[in-house]
Amino acid sequence: MKRLGISVYPDLQPFDEIKQYIELASQYNFTCVFSSMWSIKGSKEKVLGYFRELIQCAHNVKMQVNLDVNPDCLHLVGASFDDLKVFHELGVDVLRMDICYGLEKDVQLVNNPYGILIEFNATIMSGEYLNSLIENGACKDSILTGHNF
């Protein structure tokens, strides 16, 4: 699948600049926004509030949102490999996972009931592991892989 996307860095730019960048990118047929959820420091409410606004901004111009998360971030927002409700409520389209939780947990993660796509780090995930996920029941249409840039 070929798509054009942009990366935004909440810890490096004011939100107004990010919003303008998203709107400009959408005018040039960019279709996705990537950001790191762990780049915002603070309380659960602060993190969720920021990304709720960012996701709404992107969705307003028909752009998909891919959020990079890590275990600390999941813990902060009250999520886990088997409970992605908070991300569904935010409107997240894709969760980018830099780590694997193990075969059984990763299958659960991929098969989440919300239809959130899961992107694994292709730099650390082997083709063999990807095949094992599918062989163990992970929906192949819900798995994405991508290299770090």
Protein backbone atom coordinates (compact mmCIF):
# COMPACT_ATOMS: atom_id res chain seq x y z
CA MET A 1 0.00 0.00 0.00
CA LYS A 2 1.43 3.36 -0.97
CA ARG A 3 0.47 6.43 0.98
CA LEU A 4 1.93 9.83 1.58
CA GLY A 5 2.22 10.85 5.19
CA ILE A 6 3.71 13.44 7.47
CA SER A 7 5.24 13.20 10.92
CA VAL A 8 4.43 15.75 13.59
CA TYR A 9 6.35 16.31 16.79
CA PRO A 10 4.24 17.72 19.64
CA ASP A 11 7.30 18.20 21.83
CA LEU A 12 9.01 20.34 19.17
CA GLN A 13 6.24 22.49 17.66
CA PRO A 14 3.27 24.45 18.97
CA PHE A 15 -0.10 22.87 18.19
CA ASP A 16 -1.15 25.78 15.94
CA GLU A 17 1.85 25.10 13.66
CA ILE A 18 1.08 21.39 13.60
CA LYS A 19 -2.54 22.09 12.71
CA GLN A 20 -1.49 24.35 9.82
CA TYR A 21 0.96 21.70 8.61
CA ILE A 22 -1.75 19.00 8.67
CA GLU A 23 -4.13 21.22 6.74
CA LEU A 24 -1.47 22.10 4.16
CA ALA A 25 -0.42 18.46 3.73
CA SER A 26 -4.02 17.42 3.12
CA GLN A 27 -4.20 19.91 0.23
CA TYR A 28 -1.34 18.01 -1.42
CA ASN A 29 -3.02 14.60 -1.05
CA PHE A 30 -1.14 13.40 2.00
CA THR A 31 -3.34 10.86 3.73
CA CYS A 32 -1.81 10.08 7.08
CA VAL A 33 -0.29 11.74 10.12
CA PHE A 34 2.28 9.98 12.28
CA SER A 35 3.06 11.12 15.81
CA SER A 36 4.57 9.69 18.97
CA MET A 37 2.10 9.60 21.81
CA TRP A 38 4.93 9.30 24.31
CA SER A 39 6.35 12.68 23.24
CA ILE A 40 3.81 14.54 25.40
CA LYS A 41 4.73 14.51 29.07
CA GLY A 42 2.20 14.95 31.82
CA SER A 43 -0.97 13.47 33.18
CA LYS A 44 -3.27 11.05 31.44
CA GLU A 45 -5.74 13.90 30.92
CA LYS A 46 -3.10 16.14 29.33
CA VAL A 47 -1.88 13.43 26.95
CA LEU A 48 -5.37 12.31 25.95
CA GLY A 49 -6.57 15.90 25.56
CA TYR A 50 -3.70 16.79 23.25
CA PHE A 51 -4.14 13.75 21.02
CA ARG A 52 -7.93 14.04 20.98
CA GLU A 53 -7.46 17.49 19.44
CA LEU A 54 -4.73 16.34 17.04
CA ILE A 55 -6.79 13.37 15.83
CA GLN A 56 -9.87 15.54 15.33
CA CYS A 57 -7.81 18.01 13.31
CA ALA A 58 -6.46 15.23 11.07
CA HIS A 59 -9.82 13.53 10.65
CA ASN A 60 -11.41 16.87 9.71
CA VAL A 61 -9.23 16.85 6.58
CA LYS A 62 -9.71 13.10 5.97
CA MET A 63 -6.27 12.04 7.17
CA GLN A 64 -5.54 8.80 9.02
CA VAL A 65 -3.70 8.97 12.35
CA ASN A 66 -0.89 6.58 13.27
CA LEU A 67 0.31 6.86 16.87
CA ASP A 68 3.56 5.43 18.11
CA VAL A 69 3.13 4.01 21.61
CA ASN A 70 5.34 2.23 24.09
CA PRO A 71 4.58 0.26 27.28
CA ASP A 72 4.93 3.34 29.51
CA CYS A 73 2.49 5.26 27.32
CA LEU A 74 0.00 2.37 27.36
CA HIS A 75 0.20 2.25 31.13
CA LEU A 76 -0.26 6.02 31.48
CA VAL A 77 -3.46 6.09 29.45
CA GLY A 78 -4.87 2.91 31.00
CA ALA A 79 -4.48 0.67 27.97
CA SER A 80 -2.86 -2.71 27.43
CA PHE A 81 -2.35 -5.23 24.65
CA ASP A 82 -5.84 -6.60 25.35
CA ASP A 83 -7.65 -3.33 26.10
CA LEU A 84 -7.43 -0.61 23.45
CA LYS A 85 -10.73 1.07 24.34
CA VAL A 86 -9.08 4.40 25.14
CA PHE A 87 -7.54 4.52 21.64
CA HIS A 88 -10.88 3.67 20.07
CA GLU A 89 -12.50 6.50 22.02
CA LEU A 90 -9.79 8.88 20.74
CA GLY A 91 -10.35 7.78 17.14
CA VAL A 92 -6.88 6.33 16.57
CA ASP A 93 -6.62 4.55 13.21
CA VAL A 94 -3.26 2.78 13.64
CA LEU A 95 -1.12 1.98 16.67
CA ARG A 96 2.60 1.65 15.98
CA MET A 97 4.27 -0.84 18.29
CA ASP A 98 8.05 -0.80 18.59
CA ILE A 99 8.04 -3.97 20.65
CA CYS A 100 6.32 -7.31 20.48
CA TYR A 101 4.51 -8.64 23.54
CA GLY A 102 4.86 -12.28 22.52
CA LEU A 103 2.86 -14.33 20.08
CA GLU A 104 -0.33 -14.86 22.09
CA LYS A 105 -0.57 -11.24 23.26
CA ASP A 106 0.27 -9.87 19.82
CA VAL A 107 -2.52 -11.95 18.27
CA GLN A 108 -4.94 -10.43 20.81
CA LEU A 109 -3.60 -6.96 20.05
CA VAL A 110 -4.08 -7.40 16.30
CA ASN A 111 -7.55 -8.89 16.74
CA ASN A 112 -8.78 -6.02 18.91
CA PRO A 113 -12.56 -5.52 18.72
CA TYR A 114 -12.24 -1.90 17.60
CA GLY A 115 -10.64 -2.47 14.21
CA ILE A 116 -7.57 -0.45 15.14
CA LEU A 117 -4.78 -1.50 12.78
CA ILE A 118 -1.52 -2.53 14.42
CA GLU A 119 1.79 -1.58 12.85
CA PHE A 120 4.86 -3.47 14.03
CA ASN A 121 8.43 -2.29 13.64
CA ALA A 122 9.68 -4.18 10.59
CA THR A 123 13.25 -3.55 11.66
CA ILE A 124 12.84 -5.97 14.57
CA MET A 125 10.01 -8.20 13.32
CA SER A 126 11.00 -11.13 11.16
CA GLY A 127 8.92 -12.52 8.35
CA GLU A 128 8.83 -15.75 10.32
CA TYR A 129 7.21 -14.00 13.28
CA LEU A 130 4.70 -12.31 11.00
CA ASN A 131 3.77 -15.70 9.52
CA SER A 132 3.44 -17.11 13.05
CA LEU A 133 1.02 -14.32 13.96
CA ILE A 134 -1.19 -15.18 11.00
CA GLU A 135 -0.91 -18.94 11.58
CA ASN A 136 -2.04 -18.37 15.17
CA GLY A 137 -5.15 -16.47 14.20
CA ALA A 138 -4.10 -12.83 13.79
CA CYS A 139 -6.13 -11.13 11.08
CA LYS A 140 -3.62 -10.41 8.33
CA ASP A 141 -5.67 -7.43 7.15
CA SER A 142 -5.13 -5.75 10.54
CA ILE A 143 -1.32 -6.02 10.51
CA LEU A 144 0.99 -3.40 9.09
CA THR A 145 4.77 -3.27 9.23
CA GLY A 146 7.06 -0.33 8.72
CA HIS A 147 10.69 0.57 9.14
CA ASN A 148 11.87 3.46 11.20
CA PHE A 149 12.92 6.35 9.02
